[in-house]
Structure formats: structure tokens, C-alpha cells
Amino acid sequence: MKRKRNSAPAAAAVTQLRSGDWHPFGSLKAYIPLAQHEYRLYQSMREALPVLDAAIGKLVRLTGGFHAECPQGQAQLADFLRTVPCGRGQRGVHSFLAAYLDSLLLYGKAIGEMVVSDRRFCALCWGDVTNVQIEEGASPLDVTVCAPDENGAIRPLPYQHLLLLTTLNPEPSNPYGVSLFRSMPFLADILMKIYRTVGVNWEHAGNVRYAVVCKPGGDSMERSAAAGHAEAIANEWAAAMQDSKNGVVRDFVAVGDVSVKVIGADGQILDSEIPVRQLLEQLVSKTGLPPFLLGLNWSSTERMSRQQADLLTSELWAIRRAVEPALERICELWLRLNGYACSARIVWDDICLQDLVEEAHAALYRAQAQQLDSSKE
């Protein structure tokens, strides 16, 4: 007699339930600290987190405007600074300064160019620092700006004396500037994971998945027909769900031990308020801005204290000191091209009205003190 071979058991089907996608800013997860060419990383952070984009915008606007003072030709210089073309449809040195500060805060460096033709200051343009490289010369005082030529070779740009370069918080190991977003990528990646998880949970809440379970009874006939019953239940359930999308309400009737459950209904959604606030506190502290200026109401009052105002003022003055040499070079080049041998001094506008009020109070107190001293004499 031939023995019947036992048929091998059917292999269980493996279902991959977890998708491989993550939040669209994957460069945050693959970030390596102190790596070069991290420009795309900072761009992704700014696009992913609106609070960081708002921080740069507010720092640029709070830095304020300025005017130049010089012994000769001050009116003509002021008219030039107001009307100089800056490219991209912009006019005026303040448009150039806004884009220059934006690049400085985001990338840690900013570059611009003074366009001169026929001994006339024609335009003032800002450049993209992601397309240039900075090389140190024979001494730390010599810096050369290089860019790829038509063949892709990195070569120094011509007319280096017409280029403007500003770095933010240069360090001995990184003399070409440090971005405001440095030390943020690790925390930004965690924050994006939390936001992504919250979005997935709400997506599941709005698109509920059901599990319909049919348990056959002890009868052998009923167990043999379980597959057919399951197929019929699946077809009727699919039809009921399709009609519900069209606004038609249908009842689902089944015979036997049938149960319907919502997939994931028993899962507990973690509270994200505390961890999100802790992460945002770290990110906002790096910007130097009070939280309420970024729309974060964490305290019982929204009034800026005097200590916060002083700290914010010191941050803004540090940014002003960084870009002031570039503005002085712009003014001095115009003065030289127009035959003036004097130098210009940059005078910044008052940062806010609160400074004016404090200065007025101080002047009043000094006047009252002098009046008391004179009355005693």
C-alpha cells in the first residue's frame, strides 16, 4: 500500500501593518551634529515648525531700521539708501537688510554684493550662501568667497572688495558663523514625531476601522459553512458602509455569535501637552524671544517684564552690531564714488516705545534731582 503523504500545513500569510513613511522632514532624523553643509536641514526645520519661522521673522522686524549720519552729503546718501535697487523687485537698503538678516539668522552667515558700473553705485543685492564657499586666506583677516564656475570647479569670485560677508557668533572651530538653529535638530525631530503621531491618531479617529468577528457554534455543519457565512457577512458589511457614505442608513442583521468592534478603540492616546511644552520651551529659549511674542500663552499675564525687555534689547543689539560693518561699507563706498572723503555713522532707530518711556522717566528723575540740589544750595 502506498502511504499518503501528509500535506504540508499552509504557511500563514504575513501582513505588514506598519507603513514605512514618517514625517516629510526626514533630514531631521538623519542629522549628524557638527556636520558641514547643513543648510537643507535648517530649511526643513523652518518649514516644519512655524514657531521657528515666526521667530526669525520677528527678530528681523524687531531689529528695526537705521539712518546714516555723515558731515557731507547726508541728504544725498539718505536718498540713495531709500531708493537703491536691491533685486527681486525690491528697493531701499531696508529691503536688503531684511533679507540679509534672514540669511544671517538661518544659516549663520549672509552675503551681499555692491554693484558698481561707470563709477556709479547701481544696485545692492543679497546672495544665496548655500551656493558659495568661504575660504580663509594667508591670515585670519583675509577671507575669500568662492563659487563653482561653469565647469563646476570652485574658484574665487572676482571683485572681492565689492562683496559683503557677515557671520553670526563665529567660533574658533567654526569661524564662518553659527546658525540660530544650531542645537535644535534633536529636539525638533522629537517634536515632529509627536505632531506626526497626533495627526495619525486623529486620522484614525476620523476614519474608523471595524473588526467583525463571527464565531461558529459547536455544530459540525455550522463550522463547515463558516467560510460562506463570513463571506456573506463581509459583503453585507461592505455594502452597509458604502451606503452610509452616501447618507443612507442601513441596519446590519446577522445570525449567530457576531460581534463588531472598533479597531484601536481601547488604545490610550498619550497626553502631549506637557512634552510639547517642554520641547517648545527649549526651542524658544534659543531664539531669545518672550513666548507670548510667538503666540505661546504659558503665563497668566502677557505683559513683558522689564527683565525680559532688557534681555530682548541686548539680543537685538547683538544682531545690529553684527551687520553694522556691512552697512558702513555700503555708505562709505557711495561716499567715495561721489567724491566725499568723510565717513558715515550708522544710527539705529529705537527698538520699541518702551525704551522711549523709560528714557523719559530717567530724564524726569534727573531733572527733579537737580532741582532738589539747587534748592538746597
Protein backbone atom coordinates (compact mmCIF):
# COMPACT_ATOMS: atom_id res chain seq x y z
CA MET A 1 0.00 0.00 0.00
CA LYS A 2 1.14 3.41 -0.80
CA ARG A 3 1.27 5.74 2.11
CA LYS A 4 -0.36 9.06 1.71
CA ARG A 5 1.97 11.88 2.30
CA ASN A 6 0.84 14.34 4.84
CA SER A 7 0.22 17.60 3.10
CA ALA A 8 2.38 20.39 4.49
CA PRO A 9 0.45 22.94 6.53
CA ALA A 10 -0.32 26.14 4.71
CA ALA A 11 2.06 28.91 5.61
CA ALA A 12 0.44 31.75 7.46
CA ALA A 13 0.19 34.96 5.48
CA VAL A 14 2.33 37.74 6.86
CA THR A 15 0.70 41.15 6.77
CA GLN A 16 2.78 44.31 7.08
CA LEU A 17 0.56 46.69 9.00
CA ARG A 18 3.03 49.49 9.75
CA SER A 19 3.80 51.83 6.89
CA GLY A 20 7.35 52.95 6.29
CA ASP A 21 6.68 56.65 5.83
CA TRP A 22 7.32 59.22 8.53
CA HIS A 23 7.04 62.97 8.74
CA PRO A 24 8.12 64.66 5.49
CA PHE A 25 11.15 66.30 7.09
CA GLY A 26 13.26 63.17 7.37
CA SER A 27 16.54 65.06 7.34
CA LEU A 28 15.92 65.98 10.99
CA LYS A 29 16.22 62.33 12.00
CA ALA A 30 19.39 61.74 9.99
CA TYR A 31 21.12 64.84 11.31
CA ILE A 32 24.73 64.39 12.42
CA PRO A 33 25.92 67.10 14.86
CA LEU A 34 28.65 69.45 13.64
CA ALA A 35 28.38 68.15 10.07
CA GLN A 36 29.02 70.52 7.18
CA HIS A 37 26.50 71.66 4.59
CA GLU A 38 23.55 71.53 6.98
CA TYR A 39 21.69 74.27 5.08
CA ARG A 40 18.91 71.96 3.89
CA LEU A 41 18.44 70.79 7.46
CA TYR A 42 17.80 74.31 8.72
CA GLN A 43 15.42 74.95 5.83
CA SER A 44 13.46 71.82 6.74
CA MET A 45 13.27 72.87 10.38
CA ARG A 46 11.93 76.27 9.39
CA GLU A 47 9.32 74.73 7.08
CA ALA A 48 8.29 72.09 9.62
CA LEU A 49 7.92 74.25 12.73
CA PRO A 50 6.02 77.54 12.30
CA VAL A 51 7.32 78.79 15.66
CA LEU A 52 10.88 78.86 14.29
CA ASP A 53 9.79 80.63 11.11
CA ALA A 54 7.94 83.21 13.19
CA ALA A 55 10.98 83.66 15.45
CA ILE A 56 13.24 84.62 12.54
CA GLY A 57 10.62 86.94 11.08
CA LYS A 58 10.08 88.73 14.38
CA LEU A 59 13.80 89.09 15.07
CA VAL A 60 14.26 90.64 11.64
CA ARG A 61 11.43 93.11 12.19
CA LEU A 62 12.39 93.92 15.78
CA THR A 63 15.94 94.74 14.71
CA GLY A 64 14.42 97.87 13.21
CA GLY A 65 15.71 100.46 10.78
CA PHE A 66 18.54 102.93 10.76
CA HIS A 67 19.80 106.09 9.13
CA ALA A 68 23.32 107.21 8.27
CA GLU A 69 24.94 110.40 9.54
CA CYS A 70 27.92 111.99 7.83
CA PRO A 71 29.41 115.54 7.72
CA GLN A 72 28.93 115.89 3.96
CA GLY A 73 26.31 114.65 1.51
CA GLN A 74 23.97 113.30 4.15
CA ALA A 75 20.78 114.19 2.26
CA GLN A 76 22.04 112.58 -0.97
CA LEU A 77 23.18 109.50 0.93
CA ALA A 78 19.80 109.17 2.60
CA ASP A 79 18.06 109.41 -0.78
CA PHE A 80 20.37 106.70 -2.16
CA LEU A 81 19.68 104.37 0.75
CA ARG A 82 15.96 104.87 0.26
CA THR A 83 15.88 104.21 -3.50
CA VAL A 84 18.77 101.84 -4.24
CA PRO A 85 17.60 98.79 -6.29
CA CYS A 86 18.03 95.52 -4.41
CA GLY A 87 16.77 92.98 -6.92
CA ARG A 88 13.70 90.71 -6.73
CA GLY A 89 11.54 93.78 -7.23
CA GLN A 90 12.79 95.41 -4.01
CA ARG A 91 14.11 98.92 -3.46
CA GLY A 92 15.77 100.52 -0.48
CA VAL A 93 18.51 99.38 1.84
CA HIS A 94 15.94 98.23 4.41
CA SER A 95 14.70 95.57 1.97
CA PHE A 96 18.28 94.42 1.55
CA LEU A 97 18.78 94.43 5.32
CA ALA A 98 15.69 92.27 5.92
CA ALA A 99 16.86 89.56 3.51
CA TYR A 100 20.44 89.89 4.78
CA LEU A 101 19.33 89.35 8.40
CA ASP A 102 17.10 86.45 7.41
CA SER A 103 20.05 84.62 5.86
CA LEU A 104 22.30 85.53 8.78
CA LEU A 105 19.97 84.05 11.38
CA LEU A 106 19.05 80.96 9.39
CA TYR A 107 22.46 79.94 8.05
CA GLY A 108 24.82 81.76 10.40
CA LYS A 109 26.24 83.83 7.55
CA ALA A 110 24.99 86.30 4.97
CA ILE A 111 26.49 87.53 1.73
CA GLY A 112 25.75 90.52 -0.46
CA GLU A 113 27.20 92.39 -3.40
CA MET A 114 27.60 96.08 -4.20
CA VAL A 115 27.12 96.55 -7.94
CA VAL A 116 29.23 99.36 -9.40
CA SER A 117 29.24 100.46 -13.05
CA ASP A 118 30.97 103.52 -14.55
CA ARG A 119 31.94 104.73 -11.09
CA ARG A 120 28.30 104.72 -10.04
CA PHE A 121 26.70 102.67 -7.27
CA CYS A 122 23.98 100.92 -9.30
CA ALA A 123 22.44 98.27 -7.06
CA LEU A 124 22.75 96.38 -3.82
CA CYS A 125 21.98 92.65 -3.98
CA TRP A 126 21.92 89.82 -1.46
CA GLY A 127 23.18 86.36 -2.36
CA ASP A 128 22.47 82.74 -1.52
CA VAL A 129 25.10 81.46 0.91
CA THR A 130 24.23 77.85 0.04
CA ASN A 131 25.87 78.32 -3.37
CA VAL A 132 29.17 79.78 -2.19
CA GLN A 133 32.11 78.62 -0.12
CA ILE A 134 34.27 80.70 2.20
CA GLU A 135 37.97 80.11 2.40
CA GLU A 136 40.44 81.63 4.82
CA GLY A 137 43.48 83.33 3.32
CA ALA A 138 47.05 83.60 4.47
CA SER A 139 45.94 85.32 7.67
CA PRO A 140 42.69 85.21 9.66
CA LEU A 141 41.91 88.70 8.34
CA ASP A 142 41.85 87.50 4.72
CA VAL A 143 38.64 85.77 3.65
CA THR A 144 37.88 84.70 0.09
CA VAL A 145 34.40 83.96 -1.23
CA CYS A 146 34.38 81.16 -3.83
CA ALA A 147 31.70 79.70 -6.05
CA PRO A 148 31.53 77.00 -8.76
CA ASP A 149 32.21 78.17 -12.29
CA GLU A 150 30.57 76.92 -15.50
CA ASN A 151 32.63 73.71 -15.29
CA GLY A 152 31.81 73.03 -11.64
CA ALA A 153 35.25 73.95 -10.31
CA ILE A 154 35.35 76.06 -7.13
CA ARG A 155 37.08 79.35 -7.89
CA PRO A 156 37.30 82.72 -6.11
CA LEU A 157 34.74 85.26 -7.19
CA PRO A 158 36.05 88.40 -8.91
CA TYR A 159 35.89 91.81 -7.25
CA GLN A 160 36.16 90.58 -3.69
CA HIS A 161 36.21 94.18 -2.44
CA LEU A 162 32.60 94.58 -3.60
CA LEU A 163 31.31 91.57 -1.65
CA LEU A 164 29.71 91.83 1.77
CA LEU A 165 30.10 88.98 4.25
CA THR A 166 28.73 88.82 7.79
CA THR A 167 28.96 85.90 10.21
CA LEU A 168 26.88 85.25 13.30
CA ASN A 169 28.69 84.27 16.52
CA PRO A 170 31.87 82.92 14.89
CA GLU A 171 33.85 80.37 16.89
CA PRO A 172 37.48 79.23 16.73
CA SER A 173 36.40 75.87 15.30
CA ASN A 174 33.74 77.43 13.06
CA PRO A 175 34.92 80.91 12.07
CA TYR A 176 32.29 81.28 9.36
CA GLY A 177 29.28 81.70 11.61
CA VAL A 178 26.80 79.60 13.56
CA SER A 179 23.11 79.32 12.75
CA LEU A 180 20.47 80.32 15.26
CA PHE A 181 19.05 76.80 14.82
CA ARG A 182 22.18 75.02 15.97
CA SER A 183 21.48 72.60 18.86
CA MET A 184 17.82 72.46 17.80
CA PRO A 185 17.65 69.48 15.34
CA PHE A 186 17.49 66.78 18.02
CA LEU A 187 14.58 68.44 19.84
CA ALA A 188 12.90 69.37 16.56
CA ASP A 189 12.92 65.73 15.45
CA ILE A 190 11.24 64.63 18.70
CA LEU A 191 8.64 67.37 18.35
CA MET A 192 7.89 66.33 14.77
CA LYS A 193 7.40 62.72 15.90
CA ILE A 194 4.84 63.86 18.48
CA TYR A 195 3.00 66.01 15.92
CA ARG A 196 3.04 63.16 13.42
CA THR A 197 1.63 60.74 15.99
CA VAL A 198 -1.12 63.17 16.95
CA GLY A 199 -2.04 63.55 13.28
CA VAL A 200 -2.19 59.77 12.76
CA ASN A 201 -4.39 59.31 15.83
CA TRP A 202 -6.86 61.92 14.63
CA GLU A 203 -6.80 60.43 11.16
CA HIS A 204 -7.80 57.08 12.63
CA ALA A 205 -10.49 58.79 14.72
CA GLY A 206 -11.99 60.31 11.59
CA ASN A 207 -11.68 57.10 9.54
CA VAL A 208 -12.75 54.32 11.90
CA ARG A 209 -11.78 50.70 11.15
CA TYR A 210 -14.11 47.93 12.26
CA ALA A 211 -13.45 44.30 13.16
CA VAL A 212 -16.43 42.00 12.52
CA VAL A 213 -15.95 38.67 14.30
CA CYS A 214 -18.25 35.69 13.62
CA LYS A 215 -17.83 32.70 15.92
CA PRO A 216 -19.37 29.44 14.61
CA GLY A 217 -21.25 27.19 17.01
CA GLY A 218 -20.41 23.65 18.06
CA ASP A 219 -22.35 22.02 15.24
CA SER A 220 -20.12 20.46 12.56
CA MET A 221 -22.44 21.64 9.78
CA GLU A 222 -22.22 25.21 11.06
CA ARG A 223 -18.42 25.05 11.32
CA SER A 224 -18.15 23.74 7.75
CA ALA A 225 -20.25 26.65 6.48
CA ALA A 226 -18.29 29.25 8.44
CA ALA A 227 -16.38 30.41 5.39
CA GLY A 228 -19.55 31.05 3.44
CA HIS A 229 -21.14 32.87 6.35
CA ALA A 230 -18.04 35.04 6.76
CA GLU A 231 -18.05 35.97 3.08
CA ALA A 232 -21.74 36.87 3.18
CA ILE A 233 -21.25 38.99 6.31
CA ALA A 234 -18.28 40.74 4.70
CA ASN A 235 -20.28 41.59 1.57
CA GLU A 236 -23.23 42.91 3.54
CA TRP A 237 -20.98 44.92 5.84
CA ALA A 238 -19.16 46.47 2.88
CA ALA A 239 -22.49 47.39 1.28
CA ALA A 240 -23.73 48.96 4.51
CA MET A 241 -20.54 51.04 4.88
CA GLN A 242 -20.76 52.19 1.25
CA ASP A 243 -24.38 53.26 1.65
CA SER A 244 -23.51 55.15 4.85
CA LYS A 245 -21.06 57.29 2.84
CA ASN A 246 -23.96 58.27 0.57
CA GLY A 247 -26.17 59.22 3.53
CA VAL A 248 -28.25 56.02 3.56
CA VAL A 249 -28.69 54.32 6.94
CA ARG A 250 -28.81 50.53 6.82
CA ASP A 251 -29.14 48.03 9.63
CA PHE A 252 -26.83 45.07 9.81
CA VAL A 253 -28.53 41.80 10.71
CA ALA A 254 -26.63 38.57 11.28
CA VAL A 255 -27.43 35.17 12.75
CA GLY A 256 -25.09 33.62 15.30
CA ASP A 257 -22.40 34.95 17.58
CA VAL A 258 -21.36 38.08 15.66
CA SER A 259 -19.56 40.98 17.32
CA VAL A 260 -18.46 44.32 15.86
CA LYS A 261 -15.61 46.28 17.46
CA VAL A 262 -13.74 49.43 16.55
CA ILE A 263 -10.07 48.75 15.93
CA GLY A 264 -7.91 50.71 18.34
CA ALA A 265 -10.80 51.94 20.48
CA ASP A 266 -9.17 50.55 23.61
CA GLY A 267 -5.84 52.22 22.90
CA GLN A 268 -4.99 55.15 25.17
CA ILE A 269 -3.82 58.34 23.50
CA LEU A 270 -0.95 59.89 25.41
CA ASP A 271 -1.24 63.46 26.62
CA SER A 272 1.12 65.54 24.50
CA GLU A 273 0.65 68.93 26.18
CA ILE A 274 3.45 68.61 28.74
CA PRO A 275 6.17 67.13 26.48
CA VAL A 276 5.33 69.54 23.66
CA ARG A 277 5.58 72.49 26.03
CA GLN A 278 8.92 71.27 27.39
CA LEU A 279 10.33 70.99 23.88
CA LEU A 280 8.96 74.36 22.81
CA GLU A 281 10.45 76.00 25.89
CA GLN A 282 13.89 74.78 24.87
CA LEU A 283 13.45 75.94 21.27
CA VAL A 284 12.04 79.35 22.21
CA SER A 285 14.80 79.97 24.77
CA LYS A 286 17.37 79.67 21.96
CA THR A 287 15.66 82.45 19.98
CA GLY A 288 15.78 84.93 22.88
CA LEU A 289 12.15 85.99 22.33
CA PRO A 290 9.46 86.01 25.04
CA PRO A 291 7.00 83.16 24.43
CA PHE A 292 3.93 85.37 24.03
CA LEU A 293 5.52 87.12 21.05
CA LEU A 294 5.32 83.75 19.27
CA GLY A 295 1.71 83.10 20.26
CA LEU A 296 2.54 80.86 23.26
CA ASN A 297 0.48 81.95 26.27
CA TRP A 298 2.07 79.99 29.11
CA SER A 299 1.72 82.50 31.93
CA SER A 300 -1.24 84.24 33.49
CA THR A 301 -0.22 87.60 32.06
CA GLU A 302 1.02 88.67 28.65
CA ARG A 303 2.86 91.80 29.78
CA MET A 304 6.57 91.86 29.12
CA SER A 305 8.56 92.37 32.30
CA ARG A 306 11.44 94.81 32.48
CA GLN A 307 13.94 91.94 32.70
CA GLN A 308 12.55 90.34 29.54
CA ALA A 309 12.65 93.69 27.75
CA ASP A 310 16.29 94.20 28.72
CA LEU A 311 17.26 90.70 27.56
CA LEU A 312 15.43 91.11 24.26
CA THR A 313 17.05 94.51 23.73
CA SER A 314 20.50 93.03 24.30
CA GLU A 315 19.78 90.26 21.78
CA LEU A 316 18.67 92.77 19.16
CA TRP A 317 21.69 94.98 19.75
CA ALA A 318 23.96 91.97 19.27
CA ILE A 319 22.34 91.35 15.87
CA ARG A 320 22.72 95.03 15.00
CA ARG A 321 26.42 95.01 15.87
CA ALA A 322 26.91 92.02 13.58
CA VAL A 323 25.50 93.74 10.47
CA GLU A 324 26.67 97.29 11.20
CA PRO A 325 30.10 96.89 9.48
CA ALA A 326 28.41 95.82 6.24
CA LEU A 327 26.12 98.86 6.34
CA GLU A 328 29.08 101.15 6.98
CA ARG A 329 30.90 99.72 3.95
CA ILE A 330 27.86 100.43 1.79
CA CYS A 331 27.70 104.06 2.92
CA GLU A 332 31.46 104.62 2.61
CA LEU A 333 31.59 103.20 -0.92
CA TRP A 334 28.82 105.56 -2.03
CA LEU A 335 30.61 108.50 -0.40
CA ARG A 336 33.90 107.65 -2.12
CA LEU A 337 32.28 107.22 -5.53
CA ASN A 338 30.60 110.61 -5.16
CA GLY A 339 33.75 112.46 -4.12
CA TYR A 340 33.28 112.65 -0.35
CA ALA A 341 36.24 111.82 1.91
CA CYS A 342 34.25 111.64 5.15
CA SER A 343 32.95 108.55 6.91
CA ALA A 344 29.39 107.62 7.80
CA ARG A 345 27.99 106.58 11.17
CA ILE A 346 25.07 104.19 11.48
CA VAL A 347 22.37 105.41 13.86
CA TRP A 348 19.78 102.78 14.72
CA ASP A 349 16.16 103.53 15.47
CA ASP A 350 14.82 102.96 18.95
CA ILE A 351 13.78 99.35 19.35
CA CYS A 352 10.38 99.98 20.90
CA LEU A 353 8.23 102.65 22.52
CA GLN A 354 9.00 101.19 25.93
CA ASP A 355 12.59 102.39 25.61
CA LEU A 356 11.38 105.93 24.94
CA VAL A 357 9.16 105.87 28.02
CA GLU A 358 12.00 104.63 30.23
CA GLU A 359 14.34 107.30 28.85
CA ALA A 360 11.73 109.99 29.51
CA HIS A 361 11.28 108.77 33.09
CA ALA A 362 15.05 108.79 33.63
CA ALA A 363 15.34 112.34 32.26
CA LEU A 364 12.50 113.44 34.55
CA TYR A 365 14.14 111.89 37.60
CA ARG A 366 17.46 113.57 36.78
CA ALA A 367 15.76 116.94 36.38
CA GLN A 368 13.96 116.54 39.70
CA ALA A 369 17.22 115.58 41.41
CA GLN A 370 18.99 118.64 40.00
CA GLN A 371 16.10 120.84 41.11
CA LEU A 372 16.34 119.47 44.66
CA ASP A 373 20.07 120.03 44.73
CA SER A 374 19.71 123.62 43.54
CA SER A 375 17.02 124.35 46.15
CA LYS A 376 19.29 123.08 48.95
CA GLU A 377 22.06 125.41 47.88
